[in-house]
Amino acid sequence: MKSFYSGSLLCWSAAILLAASVPAKSQSVLPDPSVTGSATAYDSSYTPAKVFDDNTATAYASRDLGINTYIDFDFLSAKVINGFDMTQRNDLARVLTSALIFDDNADFSSPITTFP
């Protein structure tokens, strides 16, 4: 699922908890960023790459990390982002809250902004 659109926020990399979406046809979709880190996947069927595979039957899931689940993305250069969509996977374990953290540093030591 493509999750990042062109828009209004500059960023170099982002950490998210879970992402999957189908963008509106009127949106310009950015190329998939590189996954540079993540919480340990539940198993090889639930890898972070699944958030970009355009298949609503697949998903990323961590190995029992709950609110400590994350995926780090690197866009390689500053990008403008105006939207983000998350689709819940078909499972009893639901994401109730999530955050997008934008930072120029790979270790997220100096966040530019966090949403929400």
C-alpha atoms as a PDB file:
ATOM      1  CA  MET A   1       0.000   0.000   0.000  1.00  0.00           C
ATOM      2  CA  LYS A   2       1.324   3.415  -0.878  1.00  0.00           C
ATOM      3  CA  SER A   3       1.051   5.706   2.128  1.00  0.00           C
ATOM      4  CA  PHE A   4       2.792   8.995   1.472  1.00  0.00           C
ATOM      5  CA  TYR A   5       1.485  11.788  -0.780  1.00  0.00           C
ATOM      6  CA  SER A   6       2.998  15.037  -1.955  1.00  0.00           C
ATOM      7  CA  GLY A   7       1.854  18.069   0.034  1.00  0.00           C
ATOM      8  CA  SER A   8       2.933  20.366   2.811  1.00  0.00           C
ATOM      9  CA  LEU A   9       5.516  18.878   5.233  1.00  0.00           C
ATOM     10  CA  LEU A  10       9.242  18.591   4.519  1.00  0.00           C
ATOM     11  CA  CYS A  11      10.981  15.554   5.959  1.00  0.00           C
ATOM     12  CA  TRP A  12      14.004  13.310   5.427  1.00  0.00           C
ATOM     13  CA  SER A  13      12.879  10.225   7.324  1.00  0.00           C
ATOM     14  CA  ALA A  14       9.926   9.094   9.366  1.00  0.00           C
ATOM     15  CA  ALA A  15       9.057   6.518  12.002  1.00  0.00           C
ATOM     16  CA  ILE A  16       5.534   5.155  12.064  1.00  0.00           C
ATOM     17  CA  LEU A  17       3.686   2.489  13.964  1.00  0.00           C
ATOM     18  CA  LEU A  18       1.751   0.908  11.120  1.00  0.00           C
ATOM     19  CA  ALA A  19       0.759   2.030   7.656  1.00  0.00           C
ATOM     20  CA  ALA A  20      -1.253   0.821   4.729  1.00  0.00           C
ATOM     21  CA  SER A  21      -3.494   2.734   2.373  1.00  0.00           C
ATOM     22  CA  VAL A  22      -4.974   3.208  -1.051  1.00  0.00           C
ATOM     23  CA  PRO A  23      -4.544   6.877  -2.055  1.00  0.00           C
ATOM     24  CA  ALA A  24      -7.203   8.954  -3.762  1.00  0.00           C
ATOM     25  CA  LYS A  25      -6.616   9.058  -7.518  1.00  0.00           C
ATOM     26  CA  SER A  26      -6.184  12.837  -7.402  1.00  0.00           C
ATOM     27  CA  GLN A  27      -3.145  12.543  -5.107  1.00  0.00           C
ATOM     28  CA  SER A  28       0.448  12.379  -6.307  1.00  0.00           C
ATOM     29  CA  VAL A  29       2.005   9.353  -4.601  1.00  0.00           C
ATOM     30  CA  LEU A  30       5.663   9.386  -3.574  1.00  0.00           C
ATOM     31  CA  PRO A  31       7.882   6.389  -4.336  1.00  0.00           C
ATOM     32  CA  ASP A  32       8.132   3.923  -1.461  1.00  0.00           C
ATOM     33  CA  PRO A  33      10.772   5.006   1.075  1.00  0.00           C
ATOM     34  CA  SER A  34      13.449   2.600   2.304  1.00  0.00           C
ATOM     35  CA  VAL A  35      12.672   0.735   5.517  1.00  0.00           C
ATOM     36  CA  THR A  36      15.738   1.377   7.698  1.00  0.00           C
ATOM     37  CA  GLY A  37      14.533  -0.179  10.953  1.00  0.00           C
ATOM     38  CA  SER A  38      11.518  -1.678  12.663  1.00  0.00           C
ATOM     39  CA  ALA A  39      10.313  -3.581  15.666  1.00  0.00           C
ATOM     40  CA  THR A  40      10.926  -7.318  15.176  1.00  0.00           C
ATOM     41  CA  ALA A  41       8.281  -8.726  12.838  1.00  0.00           C
ATOM     42  CA  TYR A  42       5.918 -11.365  14.220  1.00  0.00           C
ATOM     43  CA  ASP A  43       7.307 -13.765  11.610  1.00  0.00           C
ATOM     44  CA  SER A  44       8.429 -13.711   7.970  1.00  0.00           C
ATOM     45  CA  SER A  45       4.811 -13.325   6.815  1.00  0.00           C
ATOM     46  CA  TYR A  46       4.441  -9.938   8.578  1.00  0.00           C
ATOM     47  CA  THR A  47       7.525  -7.941   7.502  1.00  0.00           C
ATOM     48  CA  PRO A  48       7.569  -4.111   7.337  1.00  0.00           C
ATOM     49  CA  ALA A  49       7.756  -4.295   3.523  1.00  0.00           C
ATOM     50  CA  LYS A  50       4.122  -5.469   3.606  1.00  0.00           C
ATOM     51  CA  VAL A  51       2.962  -1.882   4.205  1.00  0.00           C
ATOM     52  CA  PHE A  52       3.918  -1.111   0.587  1.00  0.00           C
ATOM     53  CA  ASP A  53       2.785  -4.238  -1.256  1.00  0.00           C
ATOM     54  CA  ASP A  54      -0.640  -2.928  -2.415  1.00  0.00           C
ATOM     55  CA  ASN A  55      -2.316  -5.998  -0.920  1.00  0.00           C
ATOM     56  CA  THR A  56      -4.965  -5.497   1.783  1.00  0.00           C
ATOM     57  CA  ALA A  57      -4.715  -9.202   2.649  1.00  0.00           C
ATOM     58  CA  THR A  58      -1.147  -8.750   3.981  1.00  0.00           C
ATOM     59  CA  ALA A  59       0.118  -6.720   6.933  1.00  0.00           C
ATOM     60  CA  TYR A  60       3.065  -5.807   9.140  1.00  0.00           C
ATOM     61  CA  ALA A  61       2.889  -6.989  12.747  1.00  0.00           C
ATOM     62  CA  SER A  62       5.502  -6.886  15.470  1.00  0.00           C
ATOM     63  CA  ARG A  63       6.365  -9.753  17.767  1.00  0.00           C
ATOM     64  CA  ASP A  64       4.238  -8.821  20.797  1.00  0.00           C
ATOM     65  CA  LEU A  65       5.569  -5.247  21.107  1.00  0.00           C
ATOM     66  CA  GLY A  66       2.201  -3.494  21.210  1.00  0.00           C
ATOM     67  CA  ILE A  67       2.705   0.256  21.704  1.00  0.00           C
ATOM     68  CA  ASN A  68       6.449  -0.126  21.086  1.00  0.00           C
ATOM     69  CA  THR A  69       5.882  -1.208  17.478  1.00  0.00           C
ATOM     70  CA  TYR A  70       7.537   1.058  14.913  1.00  0.00           C
ATOM     71  CA  ILE A  71       8.882   1.282  11.364  1.00  0.00           C
ATOM     72  CA  ASP A  72      11.641   3.743  10.374  1.00  0.00           C
ATOM     73  CA  PHE A  73      11.526   5.065   6.804  1.00  0.00           C
ATOM     74  CA  ASP A  74      14.132   7.021   4.871  1.00  0.00           C
ATOM     75  CA  PHE A  75      12.981   9.114   1.901  1.00  0.00           C
ATOM     76  CA  LEU A  76      16.638   9.845   0.930  1.00  0.00           C
ATOM     77  CA  SER A  77      15.896  13.550   0.485  1.00  0.00           C
ATOM     78  CA  ALA A  78      13.449  16.149   1.727  1.00  0.00           C
ATOM     79  CA  LYS A  79       9.876  15.366   0.655  1.00  0.00           C
ATOM     80  CA  VAL A  80       6.613  17.238   0.922  1.00  0.00           C
ATOM     81  CA  ILE A  81       3.832  15.168   2.529  1.00  0.00           C
ATOM     82  CA  ASN A  82       0.221  16.250   2.890  1.00  0.00           C
ATOM     83  CA  GLY A  83      -1.507  13.017   3.788  1.00  0.00           C
ATOM     84  CA  PHE A  84      -1.186   9.623   5.378  1.00  0.00           C
ATOM     85  CA  ASP A  85      -3.718   6.792   5.450  1.00  0.00           C
ATOM     86  CA  MET A  86      -3.649   3.757   7.693  1.00  0.00           C
ATOM     87  CA  THR A  87      -5.786   0.668   7.145  1.00  0.00           C
ATOM     88  CA  GLN A  88      -6.258  -1.744  10.034  1.00  0.00           C
ATOM     89  CA  ARG A  89      -5.275  -5.307   9.350  1.00  0.00           C
ATOM     90  CA  ASN A  90      -8.006  -7.916   9.701  1.00  0.00           C
ATOM     91  CA  ASP A  91      -7.123  -9.020  13.235  1.00  0.00           C
ATOM     92  CA  LEU A  92      -8.333  -8.625  16.806  1.00  0.00           C
ATOM     93  CA  ALA A  93      -5.102  -6.783  17.646  1.00  0.00           C
ATOM     94  CA  ARG A  94      -5.941  -3.216  16.564  1.00  0.00           C
ATOM     95  CA  VAL A  95      -3.878  -0.057  16.373  1.00  0.00           C
ATOM     96  CA  LEU A  96      -5.672   2.449  18.608  1.00  0.00           C
ATOM     97  CA  THR A  97      -3.133   5.267  18.383  1.00  0.00           C
ATOM     98  CA  SER A  98      -0.173   6.033  16.181  1.00  0.00           C
ATOM     99  CA  ALA A  99       2.298   8.852  15.581  1.00  0.00           C
ATOM    100  CA  LEU A 100       4.314  10.107  12.641  1.00  0.00           C
ATOM    101  CA  ILE A 101       7.697  11.472  13.710  1.00  0.00           C
ATOM    102  CA  PHE A 102       9.701  13.490  11.176  1.00  0.00           C
ATOM    103  CA  ASP A 103      13.419  14.050  11.729  1.00  0.00           C
ATOM    104  CA  ASP A 104      16.537  14.832   9.683  1.00  0.00           C
ATOM    105  CA  ASN A 105      18.533  12.423  11.889  1.00  0.00           C
ATOM    106  CA  ALA A 106      18.327   8.649  11.509  1.00  0.00           C
ATOM    107  CA  ASP A 107      18.233   8.245  15.306  1.00  0.00           C
ATOM    108  CA  PHE A 108      15.255  10.644  15.636  1.00  0.00           C
ATOM    109  CA  SER A 109      17.200  12.676  18.198  1.00  0.00           C
ATOM    110  CA  SER A 110      15.855  16.051  17.020  1.00  0.00           C
ATOM    111  CA  PRO A 111      12.293  15.650  15.729  1.00  0.00           C
ATOM    112  CA  ILE A 112      11.192  18.370  13.313  1.00  0.00           C
ATOM    113  CA  THR A 113       7.557  17.612  14.059  1.00  0.00           C
ATOM    114  CA  THR A 114       5.327  14.846  15.355  1.00  0.00           C
ATOM    115  CA  PHE A 115       1.781  14.205  14.207  1.00  0.00           C
ATOM    116  CA  PRO A 116      -0.549  14.152  16.037  1.00  0.00           C
END
